[in-house]
Amino acid sequence: MSIKYTKHLFESIELRKIDKKLVDICVMSPDLVLPGNNNKKIYLKDMGVNYLKVILAKEKKDLILITAYWFAKTRLKV
């Protein structure tokens, strides 16, 4: 399975000062995977104070990473 990064992902991690390596870690070994809108997936990785949240779409054998941002643990309602 290959990982593809959108232009929006690169813009969002630069804006939010998130290291691309952290995004890769989240995608390769998420702590939690939730369904998103329009057949997207939400991957969450516990990074200490907050979760790193990555939104992605699966297309055939590819993971298309759309955006990433910090998500407060207190906001998670599972």
Protein backbone atom coordinates (compact mmCIF):
# COMPACT_ATOMS: atom_id res chain seq x y z
CA MET A 1 0.00 0.00 0.00
CA SER A 2 1.50 3.33 -1.00
CA ILE A 3 1.00 6.66 0.74
CA LYS A 4 0.27 9.75 -1.31
CA TYR A 5 0.40 13.25 0.13
CA THR A 6 -1.85 16.05 -1.10
CA LYS A 7 -0.69 19.62 -1.51
CA HIS A 8 -3.19 20.55 1.19
CA LEU A 9 -1.53 18.15 3.63
CA PHE A 10 1.86 19.78 3.13
CA GLU A 11 0.34 23.24 3.53
CA SER A 12 -1.54 22.26 6.69
CA ILE A 13 1.42 20.60 8.44
CA GLU A 14 3.66 23.55 7.59
CA LEU A 15 1.09 26.00 8.95
CA ARG A 16 0.57 23.94 12.11
CA LYS A 17 4.27 23.13 12.55
CA ILE A 18 3.75 19.36 12.45
CA ASP A 19 6.70 17.22 11.41
CA LYS A 20 5.94 14.97 8.42
CA LYS A 21 7.58 12.09 10.32
CA LEU A 22 4.84 12.36 12.96
CA VAL A 23 2.20 12.14 10.23
CA ASP A 24 3.87 8.99 8.89
CA ILE A 25 3.96 7.47 12.39
CA CYS A 26 0.26 8.22 12.85
CA VAL A 27 -0.66 6.57 9.55
CA MET A 28 1.57 3.53 10.00
CA SER A 29 0.54 2.79 13.61
CA PRO A 30 -2.61 4.68 14.65
CA ASP A 31 -3.98 4.28 18.16
CA LEU A 32 -7.53 4.71 16.92
CA VAL A 33 -9.22 4.64 13.50
CA LEU A 34 -12.65 6.21 13.10
CA PRO A 35 -14.96 6.54 10.10
CA GLY A 36 -15.10 10.00 8.57
CA ASN A 37 -17.39 11.70 6.07
CA ASN A 38 -17.56 10.62 2.42
CA ASN A 39 -15.72 7.30 2.92
CA LYS A 40 -12.75 8.98 4.57
CA LYS A 41 -10.92 7.64 7.63
CA ILE A 42 -9.70 9.45 10.71
CA TYR A 43 -6.44 8.18 12.18
CA LEU A 44 -5.52 9.28 15.69
CA LYS A 45 -2.16 8.88 17.40
CA ASP A 46 -1.56 9.76 21.07
CA MET A 47 1.30 12.26 21.13
CA GLY A 48 1.23 13.10 24.82
CA VAL A 49 -0.88 16.17 25.53
CA ASN A 50 -2.91 15.87 22.31
CA TYR A 51 -3.70 13.44 19.55
CA LEU A 52 -2.38 13.91 16.06
CA LYS A 53 -5.38 13.58 13.76
CA VAL A 54 -4.87 12.64 10.11
CA ILE A 55 -7.74 12.57 7.63
CA LEU A 56 -7.25 10.25 4.68
CA ALA A 57 -9.04 8.48 1.88
CA LYS A 58 -8.39 4.96 0.64
CA GLU A 59 -8.33 4.51 -3.12
CA LYS A 60 -7.54 1.03 -4.37
CA LYS A 61 -4.09 0.32 -2.95
CA ASP A 62 -3.28 3.92 -2.00
CA LEU A 63 -3.75 6.00 1.12
CA ILE A 64 -4.35 9.63 0.14
CA LEU A 65 -3.45 11.88 3.08
CA ILE A 66 -5.63 14.97 3.05
CA THR A 67 -4.88 16.96 6.21
CA ALA A 68 -3.39 16.69 9.68
CA TYR A 69 -3.86 18.69 12.86
CA TRP A 70 -3.63 18.51 16.63
CA PHE A 71 -6.76 17.32 18.41
CA ALA A 72 -7.36 17.80 22.15
CA LYS A 73 -7.86 14.56 24.06
CA THR A 74 -10.71 16.16 25.98
CA ARG A 75 -12.69 16.55 22.73
CA LEU A 76 -12.65 12.85 21.84
CA LYS A 77 -16.04 11.22 22.35
CA VAL A 78 -15.92 7.57 21.35
